[in-house]
Protein backbone atom coordinates (compact mmCIF):
# COMPACT_ATOMS: atom_id res chain seq x y z
CA UNK A 1 202.96 205.87 190.38
CA UNK A 2 200.56 203.55 192.01
CA UNK A 3 197.94 204.75 194.46
CA UNK A 4 198.71 203.70 198.02
CA UNK A 5 196.79 200.50 198.83
CA UNK A 6 194.22 200.21 201.57
CA UNK A 7 195.90 199.05 204.76
CA UNK A 8 194.70 196.08 206.68
CA UNK A 9 195.00 192.84 204.72
CA UNK A 10 198.35 191.08 205.17
CA UNK A 11 200.60 191.04 202.13
CA UNK A 12 203.12 188.89 204.04
CA UNK A 13 202.32 186.16 206.54
CA UNK A 14 205.12 184.38 208.37
CA UNK A 15 204.08 181.38 210.47
CA UNK A 16 206.29 179.49 212.91
CA UNK A 17 209.43 180.01 210.81
CA UNK A 18 212.60 178.49 212.19
CA UNK A 19 216.04 178.47 210.49
CA UNK A 20 218.82 176.33 211.84
CA UNK A 21 222.45 176.17 210.82
CA UNK A 22 223.58 172.87 212.36
CA UNK A 23 223.03 173.24 216.06
CA UNK A 24 222.63 177.00 215.87
CA UNK A 25 219.03 178.17 215.82
CA UNK A 26 219.21 181.62 214.13
CA UNK A 27 215.45 182.12 213.80
CA UNK A 28 213.20 180.35 216.23
CA UNK A 29 209.46 179.87 215.68
CA UNK A 30 208.83 183.44 214.37
CA UNK A 31 205.36 184.45 213.34
CA UNK A 32 203.96 187.83 212.23
CA UNK A 33 201.86 189.57 209.57
CA UNK A 34 202.76 192.68 207.50
CA UNK A 35 199.63 194.64 206.52
CA UNK A 36 199.73 195.85 202.92
CA UNK A 37 200.43 199.53 202.60
CA UNK A 38 202.22 199.70 206.00
CA UNK A 39 205.77 200.42 207.15
CA UNK A 40 206.75 197.44 209.40
CA UNK A 41 209.82 197.88 211.62
CA UNK A 42 212.07 195.07 212.89
CA UNK A 43 214.49 195.77 215.75
CA UNK A 44 216.73 193.76 218.01
CA UNK A 45 220.29 193.58 219.28
CA UNK A 46 223.18 192.25 217.12
CA UNK A 47 222.77 188.52 216.58
CA UNK A 48 219.01 188.59 217.14
CA UNK A 49 218.37 186.91 213.79
CA UNK A 50 217.07 189.92 211.88
CA UNK A 51 219.09 189.60 208.73
CA UNK A 52 218.70 185.75 208.67
CA UNK A 53 214.94 186.28 208.87
CA UNK A 54 215.15 188.65 205.93
CA UNK A 55 217.22 186.17 203.96
CA UNK A 56 214.89 183.33 204.71
CA UNK A 57 211.81 185.17 203.64
CA UNK A 58 213.43 186.50 200.49
CA UNK A 59 214.62 183.07 199.27
CA UNK A 60 218.33 183.17 200.12
CA UNK A 61 217.73 180.48 202.83
CA UNK A 62 215.05 177.87 202.98
CA UNK A 63 213.37 177.71 206.39
CA UNK A 64 213.97 174.62 208.40
CA UNK A 65 210.28 174.64 209.25
CA UNK A 66 207.32 177.01 209.04
CA UNK A 67 205.43 178.72 206.22
CA UNK A 68 205.77 182.05 204.37
CA UNK A 69 203.01 183.46 202.28
CA UNK A 70 203.46 186.52 200.07
CA UNK A 71 200.53 188.08 198.29
CA UNK A 72 198.55 184.89 198.87
CA UNK A 73 201.22 182.54 197.51
CA UNK A 74 203.37 180.10 199.37
CA UNK A 75 206.98 181.15 198.62
CA UNK A 76 208.89 178.54 200.59
CA UNK A 77 211.36 176.93 198.23
CA UNK A 78 211.49 179.80 195.78
CA UNK A 79 214.89 181.41 195.08
CA UNK A 80 215.61 185.18 195.32
CA UNK A 81 215.00 185.81 191.59
CA UNK A 82 211.64 184.00 191.76
CA UNK A 83 210.60 185.95 194.83
CA UNK A 84 211.69 189.16 193.18
CA UNK A 85 209.60 188.39 190.12
CA UNK A 86 206.57 188.10 192.44
CA UNK A 87 207.26 191.60 193.70
CA UNK A 88 209.41 191.26 196.84
CA UNK A 89 212.69 193.22 196.63
CA UNK A 90 215.38 193.72 199.27
CA UNK A 91 218.53 195.70 199.95
CA UNK A 92 221.48 194.57 202.01
CA UNK A 93 223.42 196.04 204.93
CA UNK A 94 226.51 196.63 202.80
CA UNK A 95 225.54 198.49 199.61
CA UNK A 96 227.27 197.22 196.49
CA UNK A 97 227.27 198.84 193.02
CA UNK A 98 228.70 197.95 189.61
CA UNK A 99 231.43 200.56 189.53
CA UNK A 100 232.17 200.12 185.83
CA UNK A 101 228.60 201.12 185.01
CA UNK A 102 226.78 204.46 185.28
CA UNK A 103 224.36 205.24 188.02
CA UNK A 104 221.53 204.96 185.41
CA UNK A 105 222.62 201.47 184.38
CA UNK A 106 222.94 200.36 188.00
CA UNK A 107 219.31 201.29 188.53
CA UNK A 108 218.32 199.78 185.19
CA UNK A 109 219.74 196.51 186.25
CA UNK A 110 217.03 196.19 188.84
CA UNK A 111 214.42 196.04 186.11
CA UNK A 112 216.05 192.87 184.77
CA UNK A 113 215.35 190.89 187.95
CA UNK A 114 211.95 192.00 189.13
CA UNK A 115 208.41 192.07 187.73
CA UNK A 116 208.70 195.41 185.92
CA UNK A 117 209.23 193.82 182.51
CA UNK A 118 211.05 196.90 181.21
CA UNK A 119 213.23 199.78 182.29
CA UNK A 120 210.61 202.39 181.43
CA UNK A 121 210.35 203.58 185.02
CA UNK A 122 214.07 204.27 185.37
CA UNK A 123 213.97 207.99 184.44
CA UNK A 124 211.11 208.47 186.89
CA UNK A 125 213.05 206.69 189.64
CA UNK A 126 216.16 208.76 189.03
CA UNK A 127 214.11 211.95 189.32
CA UNK A 128 212.26 210.73 192.39
CA UNK A 129 215.53 209.92 194.23
CA UNK A 130 217.20 213.09 192.99
CA UNK A 131 219.96 211.16 191.13
CA UNK A 132 219.63 213.09 187.85
CA UNK A 133 222.81 215.01 188.28
CA UNK A 134 224.89 211.84 188.60
CA UNK A 135 222.81 209.55 186.41
CA UNK A 136 225.32 209.34 183.61
CA UNK A 137 228.46 209.27 185.81
CA UNK A 138 230.15 206.02 186.72
CA UNK A 139 228.98 204.67 190.05
CA UNK A 140 232.32 205.03 191.76
CA UNK A 141 233.55 207.29 194.60
CA UNK A 142 230.00 208.20 195.52
CA UNK A 143 229.19 209.39 199.01
CA UNK A 144 227.40 206.84 201.17
CA UNK A 145 223.98 208.47 200.97
CA UNK A 146 224.09 208.64 197.23
CA UNK A 147 225.32 205.03 197.02
CA UNK A 148 222.34 203.93 199.10
CA UNK A 149 219.96 205.92 196.87
CA UNK A 150 221.28 204.12 193.87
CA UNK A 151 220.76 200.76 195.60
CA UNK A 152 217.33 201.82 196.56
CA UNK A 153 216.67 202.91 192.92
CA UNK A 154 217.65 199.46 191.70
CA UNK A 155 215.24 197.90 194.12
CA UNK A 156 212.43 200.23 193.01
CA UNK A 157 213.16 199.33 189.40
CA UNK A 158 212.08 195.76 190.11
CA UNK A 159 208.53 197.20 190.57
CA UNK A 160 208.14 195.77 194.09
CA UNK A 161 204.98 195.40 196.05
CA UNK A 162 206.97 194.73 199.21
CA UNK A 163 210.44 196.27 199.91
CA UNK A 164 212.82 194.87 202.53
CA UNK A 165 215.41 197.33 203.73
CA UNK A 166 218.25 195.96 205.90
CA UNK A 167 219.69 198.73 208.14
CA UNK A 168 219.54 201.36 205.29
CA UNK A 169 220.40 204.31 207.51
CA UNK A 170 223.59 202.88 209.03
CA UNK A 171 226.43 205.34 208.77
CA UNK A 172 224.17 208.33 208.10
CA UNK A 173 224.33 211.74 209.76
CA UNK A 174 221.10 212.99 211.47
CA UNK A 175 220.37 215.10 208.36
CA UNK A 176 220.77 212.06 206.11
CA UNK A 177 218.55 209.96 208.43
CA UNK A 178 215.78 212.57 208.05
CA UNK A 179 216.20 212.64 204.29
CA UNK A 180 216.08 208.83 203.97
CA UNK A 181 213.07 208.65 206.26
CA UNK A 182 211.27 211.19 204.09
CA UNK A 183 212.01 209.07 200.94
CA UNK A 184 210.59 205.95 202.60
CA UNK A 185 207.40 207.81 203.52
CA UNK A 186 207.04 209.00 199.93
CA UNK A 187 207.71 205.47 198.51
CA UNK A 188 204.81 204.21 200.65
CA UNK A 189 202.53 207.10 199.88
CA UNK A 190 203.30 207.79 196.20
CA UNK A 191 204.38 204.38 194.88
CA UNK A 192 202.01 202.18 196.93
CA UNK A 193 204.91 200.02 198.17
CA UNK A 194 204.77 198.23 201.56
CA UNK A 195 208.12 198.51 203.48
CA UNK A 196 209.69 196.23 206.04
CA UNK A 197 212.78 197.85 207.60
CA UNK A 198 215.47 196.57 209.96
CA UNK A 199 217.06 199.47 211.77
CA UNK A 200 219.15 200.10 214.94
CA UNK A 201 217.98 203.69 215.37
CA UNK A 202 215.07 202.76 217.62
CA UNK A 203 213.59 206.28 217.95
CA UNK A 204 213.64 206.62 214.21
CA UNK A 205 212.02 203.17 213.75
CA UNK A 206 209.29 203.92 216.29
CA UNK A 207 208.41 207.22 214.62
CA UNK A 208 208.41 205.59 211.15
CA UNK A 209 206.65 202.31 211.68
CA UNK A 210 202.96 201.47 211.79
CA UNK A 211 203.84 198.19 213.59
CA UNK A 212 207.02 196.76 215.04
CA UNK A 213 208.61 193.37 215.74
CA UNK A 214 211.50 193.01 218.17
CA UNK A 215 213.67 189.88 218.10
CA UNK A 216 215.95 188.50 220.69
CA UNK A 217 218.01 185.30 220.27
CA UNK A 218 216.00 184.47 217.13
CA UNK A 219 212.63 184.68 218.90
CA UNK A 220 209.85 187.26 218.95
CA UNK A 221 210.12 189.45 222.02
CA UNK A 222 207.51 192.02 220.96
CA UNK A 223 205.08 192.40 218.13
CA UNK A 224 202.69 195.33 218.23
CA UNK A 225 202.17 199.11 218.32
CA UNK A 226 205.48 201.04 218.20
CA UNK A 227 204.28 203.37 220.90
CA UNK A 228 204.29 200.43 223.32
CA UNK A 229 207.91 199.49 222.65
CA UNK A 230 209.37 201.97 225.23
CA UNK A 231 207.18 200.67 228.00
CA UNK A 232 207.72 196.95 227.30
CA UNK A 233 209.82 195.67 230.24
CA UNK A 234 211.50 192.82 228.36
CA UNK A 235 212.46 195.10 225.45
CA UNK A 236 213.89 197.70 227.83
CA UNK A 237 215.81 195.02 229.83
CA UNK A 238 217.09 192.78 227.00
CA UNK A 239 217.38 195.10 223.97
CA UNK A 240 218.35 198.35 225.62
CA UNK A 241 219.93 197.40 228.86
CA UNK A 242 217.53 199.29 230.98
CA UNK A 243 217.13 202.65 229.19
CA UNK A 244 215.95 204.06 225.88
CA UNK A 245 216.53 207.78 226.27
CA UNK A 246 219.53 207.82 223.93
CA UNK A 247 218.75 206.44 220.49
CA UNK A 248 222.49 205.84 219.91
CA UNK A 249 222.18 202.94 222.41
CA UNK A 250 220.00 201.22 219.85
């Protein structure tokens, strides 16, 4: 496992990124930095542009305008596989597995698309995510938490420097949320991976993140210390409808 990097320098720099679909502006002039070694949270109501922003940064969409720099390299115009080869991996809101393959082989596939160069880390990943008992079983009829652990394992198998997680805790019980949160903290601490996470569970995101971005209608509403989110009047008014006492409202 890699030692956690020193935090401070930005591993990802997004500058004035806009993504249009015809007349629809899904992401509007968004800028932010992600410090290396941090956990960076992104929040916002449905339709705020969070997933489109992820897709634009990770090469699924090309920005209409703006610049994206990852690890000192301009990545605008690179496709998802090229971005993955540089060390940026992502998961999706809806987890998808190859049901005809074993859990082990689903994780191994990640090594084919990233910068790992081999599947030598797969046993270590399976142990780390506590997937050993199901490693040689077909990846079918798995409970949601296990399914998302397999998806996370495939992303780790790419040997990422930066990991994008799109609503990974959706559908979890409170116990599973705590378990997944602990895994993310360990990934950062023990594997030296920077994490950017979209999540609707605002209280969880505040407690987990070193820095947070809140989007509304494709634009940046807040960018700063997570402890300041609850007192930010526009966030309270627009994102939470006037109150944040109940995280379920997030």
